[in-house]
Protein backbone atom coordinates (compact mmCIF):
# COMPACT_ATOMS: atom_id res chain seq x y z
CA MET A 1 8.19 -2.16 0.45
CA GLU A 2 5.51 0.14 -1.04
CA THR A 3 6.19 2.86 -3.42
CA LYS A 4 4.16 6.13 -3.68
CA ASP A 5 2.30 4.61 -6.75
CA GLN A 6 0.73 1.93 -4.56
CA ALA A 7 -1.89 2.10 -1.84
CA PRO A 8 -1.12 0.37 1.28
CA GLN A 9 -2.42 -3.13 1.54
CA GLU A 10 -3.56 -3.04 5.22
CA GLY A 11 -6.62 -0.98 6.30
CA TYR A 12 -8.15 -0.61 2.95
CA ALA A 13 -11.28 -2.69 1.48
CA ASP A 14 -11.24 -3.82 -2.08
CA LEU A 15 -14.24 -2.02 -3.47
CA THR A 16 -14.07 -4.24 -6.61
CA LEU A 17 -15.76 -7.01 -4.43
CA ASP A 18 -19.52 -7.23 -3.79
CA LEU A 19 -19.66 -6.92 0.01
CA PRO A 20 -17.06 -4.13 0.63
CA PHE A 21 -18.84 -2.04 -1.98
CA LYS A 22 -22.24 -2.46 -0.73
CA LYS A 23 -20.80 -1.70 2.80
CA ALA A 24 -19.37 1.70 1.48
CA PHE A 25 -22.20 2.67 -0.95
CA ALA A 26 -25.25 0.93 -0.15
CA THR A 27 -26.35 2.65 3.27
CA GLU A 28 -28.54 5.50 3.94
CA GLU A 29 -25.92 7.43 5.73
CA ASP A 30 -23.56 7.08 2.49
CA LYS A 31 -26.19 7.66 0.08
CA ASP A 32 -24.80 10.87 -1.36
CA LEU A 33 -21.44 8.98 -2.00
CA LEU A 34 -23.45 6.37 -4.14
CA ILE A 35 -25.27 9.38 -6.15
CA ALA A 36 -22.01 11.21 -6.64
CA LEU A 37 -20.42 7.76 -7.99
CA LEU A 38 -23.29 6.91 -10.23
CA ASN A 39 -23.26 10.75 -11.64
CA ALA A 40 -19.59 10.48 -12.12
CA PHE A 41 -19.73 7.14 -14.22
CA LEU A 42 -22.80 7.89 -16.09
CA GLU A 43 -22.16 11.90 -16.90
CA LYS A 44 -22.07 11.44 -20.52
CA LYS A 45 -25.38 9.19 -20.67
CA LEU A 46 -27.57 11.01 -18.49
CA LYS A 47 -29.67 13.96 -19.45
CA GLN A 48 -29.84 15.20 -15.78
CA PRO A 49 -27.95 14.20 -12.90
CA ILE A 50 -29.29 11.49 -10.46
CA THR A 51 -30.48 13.31 -7.34
CA ASP A 52 -31.88 10.78 -5.13
CA VAL A 53 -31.75 6.87 -4.95
CA VAL A 54 -33.84 4.26 -3.05
CA ILE A 55 -31.69 1.75 -1.45
CA LYS A 56 -33.23 -1.48 -0.75
CA ASN A 57 -31.87 -4.37 1.44
CA PRO A 58 -28.31 -4.80 -0.27
CA TYR A 59 -27.70 -7.85 1.45
CA THR A 60 -30.59 -9.82 -0.15
CA PHE A 61 -29.12 -12.50 -2.65
CA PRO A 62 -31.20 -14.25 -5.13
CA PHE A 63 -29.59 -17.62 -4.48
CA PRO A 64 -30.76 -20.18 -7.10
CA THR A 65 -32.82 -23.13 -5.67
CA ARG A 66 -33.88 -26.40 -7.47
CA SER A 67 -37.36 -24.66 -7.97
CA THR A 68 -35.58 -21.60 -9.70
CA PRO A 69 -35.12 -22.04 -13.48
CA LYS A 70 -31.50 -20.91 -14.50
CA SER A 71 -32.61 -20.26 -18.13
CA GLY A 72 -35.98 -18.91 -17.76
CA THR A 73 -37.94 -22.04 -18.54
CA ILE A 74 -39.05 -24.83 -16.27
CA SER A 75 -38.22 -28.43 -17.35
């Protein structure tokens, strides 16, 4: 049984996870939502509000390979 203080568990994505967050905020159609979110979080640190962002492919993952050094050095 859910209370008024709890969001329903069905039908909502957990935006603390990477892929749902990207789906919600990393599209050209939802660029204004990302800008609003960034401005809300960074309001006290920014001299001026963010007015535009460039969204590159949010689904490109830098998977480490054997040739990719983990510590920045090649052994």
